């Protein structure tokens, strides 16, 4: 599997926000990334989804 990394570049903080519905523990981790990078949650989640889609491996079940 690829060892590529998801790169987040710090930004100036945005005043707009949108809800993201995920488990509380994942939301907390995203908030930590948002705090560190000042990237809106929506953009962090979009980047993660795009990265995942581009790097997904589908395996047959046993």
N, C-alpha and C. Protein backbone atom coordinates (compact mmCIF):
# COMPACT_ATOMS: atom_id res chain seq x y z
N UNK A 1 0.83 -1.18 0.00
CA UNK A 1 0.00 0.00 0.00
C UNK A 1 0.88 1.25 0.00
N UNK A 2 0.37 2.32 -0.53
CA UNK A 2 1.11 3.57 -0.66
C UNK A 2 1.50 4.14 0.69
N UNK A 3 2.67 4.74 0.75
CA UNK A 3 3.11 5.41 1.97
C UNK A 3 2.99 6.91 1.82
N UNK A 4 2.17 7.36 0.87
CA UNK A 4 1.94 8.78 0.70
C UNK A 4 1.30 9.35 1.96
N UNK A 5 1.47 10.63 2.15
CA UNK A 5 0.90 11.30 3.31
C UNK A 5 -0.08 12.37 2.85
N UNK A 6 -1.05 12.65 3.68
CA UNK A 6 -1.96 13.75 3.45
C UNK A 6 -1.29 15.01 3.97
N UNK A 7 -1.05 15.98 3.10
CA UNK A 7 -0.38 17.21 3.49
C UNK A 7 -1.42 18.31 3.69
N UNK A 8 -1.41 18.93 4.87
CA UNK A 8 -2.27 20.07 5.16
C UNK A 8 -1.39 21.30 5.33
N UNK A 9 -1.69 22.35 4.57
CA UNK A 9 -0.93 23.59 4.64
C UNK A 9 -1.71 24.58 5.50
N UNK A 10 -1.05 25.15 6.49
CA UNK A 10 -1.71 26.08 7.39
C UNK A 10 -2.30 27.25 6.61
N UNK A 11 -3.46 27.74 7.06
CA UNK A 11 -4.16 28.84 6.42
C UNK A 11 -4.58 29.86 7.47
N UNK A 12 -4.98 31.04 6.99
CA UNK A 12 -5.62 32.00 7.89
C UNK A 12 -6.99 31.45 8.25
N UNK A 13 -7.40 31.68 9.48
CA UNK A 13 -8.65 31.11 9.96
C UNK A 13 -9.85 31.67 9.21
N UNK A 14 -10.76 30.79 8.85
CA UNK A 14 -11.99 31.17 8.16
C UNK A 14 -13.07 31.45 9.20
N UNK A 15 -13.99 32.34 8.89
CA UNK A 15 -15.09 32.65 9.82
C UNK A 15 -16.31 31.78 9.56
N UNK A 16 -16.39 31.13 8.41
CA UNK A 16 -17.54 30.28 8.08
C UNK A 16 -17.27 28.85 8.54
N UNK A 17 -18.35 28.12 8.85
CA UNK A 17 -18.19 26.72 9.23
C UNK A 17 -19.41 25.92 8.80
N UNK A 18 -19.22 24.60 8.70
CA UNK A 18 -20.30 23.69 8.35
C UNK A 18 -20.19 22.47 9.25
N UNK A 19 -21.32 21.84 9.60
CA UNK A 19 -21.26 20.66 10.46
C UNK A 19 -20.73 19.44 9.73
N UNK A 20 -20.04 18.60 10.48
CA UNK A 20 -19.55 17.32 9.98
C UNK A 20 -20.05 16.26 10.96
N UNK A 21 -20.77 15.26 10.47
CA UNK A 21 -21.36 14.25 11.34
C UNK A 21 -20.52 12.98 11.33
N UNK A 22 -19.74 12.81 12.39
CA UNK A 22 -18.84 11.66 12.55
C UNK A 22 -18.80 11.29 14.03
N UNK A 23 -18.14 10.20 14.35
CA UNK A 23 -17.98 9.81 15.76
C UNK A 23 -17.24 10.91 16.52
N UNK A 24 -17.57 11.04 17.79
CA UNK A 24 -17.01 12.11 18.62
C UNK A 24 -15.49 12.07 18.70
N UNK A 25 -14.90 10.87 18.78
CA UNK A 25 -13.44 10.78 18.90
C UNK A 25 -12.75 11.28 17.62
N UNK A 26 -13.34 10.97 16.46
CA UNK A 26 -12.77 11.47 15.21
C UNK A 26 -12.96 12.98 15.10
N UNK A 27 -14.10 13.46 15.55
CA UNK A 27 -14.36 14.91 15.50
C UNK A 27 -13.33 15.66 16.34
N UNK A 28 -12.99 15.12 17.49
CA UNK A 28 -11.99 15.74 18.37
C UNK A 28 -10.63 15.82 17.67
N UNK A 29 -10.25 14.76 16.98
CA UNK A 29 -8.98 14.76 16.26
C UNK A 29 -8.99 15.77 15.12
N UNK A 30 -10.14 15.88 14.43
CA UNK A 30 -10.26 16.89 13.37
C UNK A 30 -10.17 18.30 13.94
N UNK A 31 -10.78 18.52 15.10
CA UNK A 31 -10.69 19.84 15.73
C UNK A 31 -9.25 20.19 16.09
N UNK A 32 -8.47 19.19 16.49
CA UNK A 32 -7.05 19.43 16.79
C UNK A 32 -6.31 19.85 15.52
N UNK A 33 -6.60 19.16 14.39
CA UNK A 33 -5.99 19.54 13.11
C UNK A 33 -6.42 20.95 12.69
N UNK A 34 -7.69 21.25 12.88
CA UNK A 34 -8.21 22.58 12.53
C UNK A 34 -7.50 23.65 13.35
N UNK A 35 -7.34 23.40 14.65
CA UNK A 35 -6.69 24.37 15.53
C UNK A 35 -5.24 24.61 15.10
N UNK A 36 -4.55 23.54 14.76
CA UNK A 36 -3.14 23.65 14.37
C UNK A 36 -2.95 24.32 13.01
N UNK A 37 -3.83 24.00 12.07
CA UNK A 37 -3.65 24.48 10.69
C UNK A 37 -4.52 25.67 10.32
N UNK A 38 -5.58 25.91 11.11
CA UNK A 38 -6.56 26.96 10.81
C UNK A 38 -7.32 26.69 9.50
N UNK A 39 -7.32 25.44 9.07
CA UNK A 39 -8.08 25.03 7.89
C UNK A 39 -9.48 24.65 8.35
N UNK A 40 -10.52 25.12 7.69
CA UNK A 40 -11.88 24.74 8.08
C UNK A 40 -12.07 23.22 8.02
N UNK A 41 -12.89 22.70 8.94
CA UNK A 41 -13.14 21.26 8.99
C UNK A 41 -13.60 20.72 7.64
N UNK A 42 -14.46 21.46 6.97
CA UNK A 42 -14.97 21.02 5.67
C UNK A 42 -13.82 20.73 4.71
N UNK A 43 -12.84 21.61 4.65
CA UNK A 43 -11.72 21.41 3.72
C UNK A 43 -10.82 20.27 4.15
N UNK A 44 -10.61 20.12 5.46
CA UNK A 44 -9.81 18.99 5.94
C UNK A 44 -10.48 17.69 5.56
N UNK A 45 -11.78 17.58 5.81
CA UNK A 45 -12.52 16.36 5.49
C UNK A 45 -12.51 16.11 3.99
N UNK A 46 -12.71 17.15 3.18
CA UNK A 46 -12.68 16.99 1.73
C UNK A 46 -11.33 16.46 1.27
N UNK A 47 -10.24 17.01 1.80
CA UNK A 47 -8.90 16.54 1.43
C UNK A 47 -8.71 15.08 1.80
N UNK A 48 -9.18 14.71 2.99
CA UNK A 48 -9.04 13.33 3.44
C UNK A 48 -9.86 12.38 2.57
N UNK A 49 -11.05 12.79 2.21
CA UNK A 49 -11.89 11.95 1.36
C UNK A 49 -11.27 11.81 -0.02
N UNK A 50 -10.81 12.92 -0.61
CA UNK A 50 -10.17 12.86 -1.94
C UNK A 50 -8.94 11.96 -1.90
N UNK A 51 -8.11 12.10 -0.88
CA UNK A 51 -6.92 11.28 -0.73
C UNK A 51 -7.31 9.81 -0.64
N UNK A 52 -8.30 9.52 0.18
CA UNK A 52 -8.73 8.14 0.37
C UNK A 52 -9.27 7.53 -0.91
N UNK A 53 -10.09 8.29 -1.63
CA UNK A 53 -10.65 7.79 -2.89
C UNK A 53 -9.54 7.49 -3.88
N UNK A 54 -8.55 8.37 -3.95
CA UNK A 54 -7.44 8.18 -4.90
C UNK A 54 -6.50 7.06 -4.49
N UNK A 55 -6.53 6.64 -3.23
CA UNK A 55 -5.59 5.64 -2.73
C UNK A 55 -6.25 4.39 -2.16
N UNK A 56 -7.53 4.21 -2.43
CA UNK A 56 -8.24 3.06 -1.89
C UNK A 56 -7.81 1.77 -2.59
N UNK A 57 -7.76 0.71 -1.82
CA UNK A 57 -7.50 -0.63 -2.35
C UNK A 57 -8.69 -1.48 -1.94
N UNK A 58 -9.35 -2.10 -2.88
CA UNK A 58 -10.49 -2.96 -2.60
C UNK A 58 -10.04 -4.40 -2.69
N UNK A 59 -10.26 -5.14 -1.61
CA UNK A 59 -9.86 -6.55 -1.57
C UNK A 59 -11.10 -7.43 -1.54
N UNK A 60 -10.96 -8.61 -2.06
CA UNK A 60 -12.04 -9.59 -2.01
C UNK A 60 -12.15 -10.14 -0.60
N UNK A 61 -13.37 -10.41 -0.16
CA UNK A 61 -13.56 -11.01 1.15
C UNK A 61 -13.16 -12.48 1.09
N UNK A 62 -12.79 -13.00 2.24
CA UNK A 62 -12.34 -14.40 2.29
C UNK A 62 -13.49 -15.35 2.45
